[in-house]
N, C-alpha and C. Protein backbone atom coordinates (compact mmCIF):
# COMPACT_ATOMS: atom_id res chain seq x y z
N UNK A 1 41.83 -54.17 3.96
CA UNK A 1 42.97 -53.34 4.32
C UNK A 1 42.56 -52.42 5.46
N UNK A 2 43.47 -52.19 6.36
CA UNK A 2 43.21 -51.30 7.50
C UNK A 2 43.70 -49.89 7.20
N UNK A 3 42.96 -48.92 7.70
CA UNK A 3 43.31 -47.52 7.54
C UNK A 3 43.32 -46.85 8.91
N UNK A 4 43.97 -45.71 8.99
CA UNK A 4 44.10 -44.96 10.22
C UNK A 4 42.95 -43.98 10.37
N UNK A 5 42.42 -43.87 11.58
CA UNK A 5 41.39 -42.87 11.88
C UNK A 5 41.90 -42.02 13.04
N UNK A 6 41.91 -40.73 12.84
CA UNK A 6 42.27 -39.77 13.89
C UNK A 6 40.99 -39.04 14.26
N UNK A 7 40.64 -39.08 15.54
CA UNK A 7 39.41 -38.45 16.02
C UNK A 7 39.76 -37.29 16.94
N UNK A 8 39.16 -36.16 16.67
CA UNK A 8 39.36 -34.95 17.48
C UNK A 8 38.01 -34.46 17.97
N UNK A 9 37.93 -34.13 19.24
CA UNK A 9 36.68 -33.57 19.78
C UNK A 9 36.52 -32.16 19.24
N UNK A 10 35.37 -31.89 18.66
CA UNK A 10 35.08 -30.57 18.11
C UNK A 10 34.60 -29.67 19.24
N UNK A 11 35.17 -28.47 19.40
CA UNK A 11 34.73 -27.57 20.47
C UNK A 11 33.26 -27.19 20.37
N UNK A 12 32.69 -27.27 19.17
CA UNK A 12 31.28 -26.93 18.96
C UNK A 12 30.36 -28.13 19.18
N UNK A 13 30.96 -29.28 19.51
CA UNK A 13 30.19 -30.51 19.71
C UNK A 13 30.50 -31.55 18.67
N UNK A 14 30.42 -32.80 19.07
CA UNK A 14 30.69 -33.89 18.14
C UNK A 14 32.17 -34.14 17.98
N UNK A 15 32.49 -34.85 16.90
CA UNK A 15 33.88 -35.25 16.63
C UNK A 15 34.22 -35.04 15.17
N UNK A 16 35.48 -34.74 14.91
CA UNK A 16 36.02 -34.67 13.56
C UNK A 16 36.87 -35.92 13.38
N UNK A 17 36.69 -36.61 12.26
CA UNK A 17 37.44 -37.82 11.96
C UNK A 17 38.25 -37.59 10.70
N UNK A 18 39.52 -37.99 10.74
CA UNK A 18 40.42 -37.79 9.60
C UNK A 18 41.13 -39.09 9.27
N UNK A 19 41.39 -39.31 7.99
CA UNK A 19 42.18 -40.44 7.53
C UNK A 19 43.41 -39.89 6.83
N UNK A 20 44.61 -40.04 7.44
CA UNK A 20 45.81 -39.45 6.84
C UNK A 20 46.28 -40.12 5.55
N UNK A 21 45.94 -41.39 5.34
CA UNK A 21 46.38 -42.06 4.11
C UNK A 21 45.72 -41.47 2.87
N UNK A 22 44.47 -41.05 2.98
CA UNK A 22 43.76 -40.52 1.82
C UNK A 22 43.49 -39.03 1.91
N UNK A 23 43.59 -38.47 3.12
CA UNK A 23 43.27 -37.06 3.30
C UNK A 23 41.79 -36.82 3.50
N UNK A 24 40.99 -37.88 3.59
CA UNK A 24 39.56 -37.69 3.80
C UNK A 24 39.29 -37.28 5.24
N UNK A 25 38.24 -36.49 5.41
CA UNK A 25 37.84 -36.08 6.75
C UNK A 25 36.33 -35.86 6.76
N UNK A 26 35.76 -35.99 7.93
CA UNK A 26 34.31 -35.83 8.09
C UNK A 26 34.03 -35.57 9.56
N UNK A 27 32.78 -35.60 9.95
CA UNK A 27 32.43 -35.37 11.34
C UNK A 27 31.20 -36.18 11.71
N UNK A 28 30.91 -36.22 13.01
CA UNK A 28 29.73 -36.91 13.51
C UNK A 28 29.45 -36.48 14.93
N UNK A 29 28.24 -36.67 15.37
CA UNK A 29 27.87 -36.30 16.74
C UNK A 29 28.50 -37.22 17.78
N UNK A 30 28.72 -38.49 17.42
CA UNK A 30 29.34 -39.46 18.32
C UNK A 30 30.58 -40.03 17.65
N UNK A 31 31.40 -40.74 18.43
CA UNK A 31 32.58 -41.39 17.85
C UNK A 31 32.15 -42.40 16.80
N UNK A 32 31.14 -43.21 17.13
CA UNK A 32 30.67 -44.22 16.18
C UNK A 32 30.17 -43.59 14.88
N UNK A 33 29.44 -42.50 14.99
CA UNK A 33 28.93 -41.82 13.79
C UNK A 33 30.09 -41.23 12.98
N UNK A 34 31.05 -40.62 13.66
CA UNK A 34 32.19 -40.04 12.95
C UNK A 34 32.99 -41.12 12.23
N UNK A 35 33.19 -42.28 12.87
CA UNK A 35 33.91 -43.38 12.23
C UNK A 35 33.13 -43.94 11.04
N UNK A 36 31.82 -44.09 11.19
CA UNK A 36 31.00 -44.58 10.08
C UNK A 36 31.06 -43.61 8.90
N UNK A 37 30.99 -42.31 9.19
CA UNK A 37 31.08 -41.30 8.13
C UNK A 37 32.46 -41.31 7.47
N UNK A 38 33.51 -41.51 8.26
CA UNK A 38 34.86 -41.57 7.71
C UNK A 38 35.03 -42.81 6.84
N UNK A 39 34.49 -43.93 7.28
CA UNK A 39 34.56 -45.15 6.48
C UNK A 39 33.90 -44.92 5.12
N UNK A 40 32.71 -44.31 5.13
CA UNK A 40 32.01 -44.04 3.88
C UNK A 40 32.78 -43.06 2.99
N UNK A 41 33.28 -41.99 3.58
CA UNK A 41 34.04 -40.99 2.80
C UNK A 41 35.30 -41.61 2.19
N UNK A 42 35.96 -42.46 2.95
CA UNK A 42 37.19 -43.09 2.46
C UNK A 42 36.87 -44.09 1.35
N UNK A 43 35.80 -44.87 1.52
CA UNK A 43 35.39 -45.81 0.46
C UNK A 43 35.07 -45.07 -0.83
N UNK A 44 34.34 -43.97 -0.73
CA UNK A 44 34.00 -43.19 -1.91
C UNK A 44 35.25 -42.60 -2.57
N UNK A 45 36.17 -42.12 -1.75
CA UNK A 45 37.43 -41.57 -2.29
C UNK A 45 38.19 -42.65 -3.05
N UNK A 46 38.30 -43.84 -2.45
CA UNK A 46 39.07 -44.92 -3.08
C UNK A 46 38.39 -45.47 -4.32
N UNK A 47 37.05 -45.35 -4.42
CA UNK A 47 36.37 -45.73 -5.66
C UNK A 47 36.79 -44.80 -6.79
N UNK A 48 36.95 -43.52 -6.47
CA UNK A 48 37.34 -42.52 -7.48
C UNK A 48 38.84 -42.55 -7.78
N UNK A 49 39.64 -42.80 -6.76
CA UNK A 49 41.11 -42.78 -6.89
C UNK A 49 41.69 -44.07 -6.31
N UNK A 50 41.51 -45.21 -6.98
CA UNK A 50 41.90 -46.50 -6.41
C UNK A 50 43.40 -46.66 -6.16
N UNK A 51 44.23 -45.98 -6.90
CA UNK A 51 45.68 -46.13 -6.73
C UNK A 51 46.26 -45.06 -5.81
N UNK A 52 45.42 -44.30 -5.14
CA UNK A 52 45.88 -43.17 -4.33
C UNK A 52 46.66 -43.62 -3.10
N UNK A 53 46.37 -44.79 -2.57
CA UNK A 53 47.03 -45.25 -1.35
C UNK A 53 47.86 -46.47 -1.69
N UNK A 54 49.16 -46.38 -1.45
CA UNK A 54 50.03 -47.51 -1.75
C UNK A 54 50.65 -48.11 -0.50
N UNK A 55 50.67 -47.39 0.61
CA UNK A 55 51.21 -47.94 1.85
C UNK A 55 50.52 -47.28 3.03
N UNK A 56 50.47 -47.97 4.17
CA UNK A 56 49.81 -47.39 5.35
C UNK A 56 50.62 -46.22 5.91
N UNK A 57 49.93 -45.36 6.62
CA UNK A 57 50.59 -44.23 7.27
C UNK A 57 51.34 -44.72 8.50
N UNK A 58 52.40 -44.04 8.84
CA UNK A 58 53.13 -44.30 10.07
C UNK A 58 52.74 -43.23 11.06
N UNK A 59 52.25 -43.64 12.21
CA UNK A 59 51.83 -42.68 13.22
C UNK A 59 52.69 -42.84 14.46
N UNK A 60 53.13 -41.73 15.02
CA UNK A 60 53.93 -41.73 16.24
C UNK A 60 53.57 -40.49 17.04
N UNK A 61 54.22 -40.29 18.14
CA UNK A 61 54.03 -39.08 18.95
C UNK A 61 55.37 -38.39 19.14
N UNK A 62 55.32 -37.14 19.51
CA UNK A 62 56.54 -36.39 19.83
C UNK A 62 56.21 -35.38 20.90
N UNK A 63 57.25 -34.91 21.58
CA UNK A 63 57.07 -33.94 22.66
C UNK A 63 57.68 -32.62 22.25
N UNK A 64 57.14 -31.55 22.81
CA UNK A 64 57.68 -30.20 22.64
C UNK A 64 58.12 -29.68 24.00
N UNK A 65 59.26 -29.03 24.03
CA UNK A 65 59.67 -28.42 25.30
C UNK A 65 59.04 -27.04 25.36
N UNK A 66 58.60 -26.66 26.54
CA UNK A 66 57.97 -25.35 26.73
C UNK A 66 59.06 -24.31 26.99
N UNK A 67 58.91 -23.15 26.39
CA UNK A 67 59.90 -22.09 26.53
C UNK A 67 59.76 -21.37 27.86
């Protein structure tokens, strides 16, 4: 099964990785490390809560008008 990974550059260095389907999040010095850590965190979460995810997240974008 595929899951969503959201990666944000951390101002202090490295990256924060989040999975919206499970709510898991982690970090790493590189994108690859952050994704590997997120994969592990999500696997561990799903071992503990196997029925927690029933459908994939829907991701889109939106715009804000500036005042």
